[in-house]
Amino acid sequence: MAQFEVLQSEGTNWVKINLRDESVRAEAGALSYMSGDIVVDARILSMRGAMASVFSDESFIRPTYSG
């Protein structure tokens, strides 16, 4: 299972995620730093997913990070 840790510095919060042969999905542009063998797959959503994104005010591109 991926390990999540919420960190804070100078009033800014971020999440540190440790992956071990796992994947996580995040908002487009959410990644600020990565190390190790991480694969980024940034697919555009299907038409159905795009329509759902319009109504939920989410991004059309949701990258998946695997490592």
Protein backbone atom coordinates (compact mmCIF):
# COMPACT_ATOMS: atom_id res chain seq x y z
CA MET A 1 0.00 0.00 0.00
CA ALA A 2 1.26 3.48 -0.83
CA GLN A 3 2.44 5.53 2.14
CA PHE A 4 1.07 9.07 2.45
CA GLU A 5 2.52 11.72 4.74
CA VAL A 6 1.20 15.29 5.05
CA LEU A 7 4.06 17.77 5.46
CA GLN A 8 3.98 21.47 6.27
CA SER A 9 6.54 24.23 5.94
CA GLU A 10 6.14 28.01 6.01
CA GLY A 11 2.34 27.78 5.83
CA THR A 12 2.33 25.43 2.82
CA ASN A 13 0.98 21.88 3.00
CA TRP A 14 1.88 19.04 0.65
CA VAL A 15 1.63 15.27 0.53
CA LYS A 16 4.66 13.00 0.32
CA ILE A 17 3.81 9.65 -1.29
CA ASN A 18 6.05 6.57 -1.29
CA LEU A 19 5.18 4.06 -4.03
CA ARG A 20 6.26 0.43 -4.14
CA ASP A 21 4.98 -1.09 -7.40
CA GLU A 22 1.80 0.98 -7.07
CA SER A 23 0.01 3.85 -8.81
CA VAL A 24 -1.71 7.05 -7.72
CA ARG A 25 -3.73 9.60 -9.68
CA ALA A 26 -3.46 13.34 -9.05
CA GLU A 27 -4.65 16.64 -10.45
CA ALA A 28 -2.77 17.92 -13.48
CA GLY A 29 0.10 20.11 -12.29
CA ALA A 30 0.01 18.75 -8.73
CA LEU A 31 3.45 17.12 -8.89
CA SER A 32 6.23 19.38 -7.64
CA TYR A 33 9.08 16.88 -7.12
CA MET A 34 9.80 13.22 -7.78
CA SER A 35 12.74 10.88 -7.34
CA GLY A 36 13.37 7.28 -8.26
CA ASP A 37 11.87 5.28 -11.10
CA ILE A 38 8.49 7.00 -11.53
CA VAL A 39 6.46 6.61 -14.72
CA VAL A 40 3.97 9.36 -15.59
CA ASP A 41 0.98 8.47 -17.76
CA ALA A 42 -1.06 11.58 -18.67
CA ARG A 43 -3.99 10.35 -20.73
CA ILE A 44 -6.86 12.53 -21.84
CA LEU A 45 -10.21 11.35 -20.51
CA SER A 46 -12.82 9.57 -22.60
CA MET A 47 -15.83 11.56 -23.78
CA ARG A 48 -17.88 10.27 -20.85
CA GLY A 49 -15.09 11.18 -18.40
CA ALA A 50 -14.71 14.61 -20.00
CA MET A 51 -18.41 15.32 -19.58
CA ALA A 52 -18.23 14.28 -15.92
CA SER A 53 -15.25 16.61 -15.48
CA VAL A 54 -17.20 19.53 -16.92
CA PHE A 55 -20.00 19.06 -14.41
CA SER A 56 -17.68 18.46 -11.44
CA ASP A 57 -15.24 21.28 -12.34
CA GLU A 58 -12.25 18.90 -12.56
CA SER A 59 -9.36 18.76 -15.03
CA PHE A 60 -9.65 16.85 -18.33
CA ILE A 61 -6.15 15.45 -17.84
CA ARG A 62 -5.49 13.34 -14.76
CA PRO A 63 -1.97 11.94 -14.71
CA THR A 64 -1.21 8.59 -13.10
CA TYR A 65 2.15 8.15 -11.35
CA SER A 66 3.51 4.61 -11.05
CA GLY A 67 6.62 3.39 -9.35
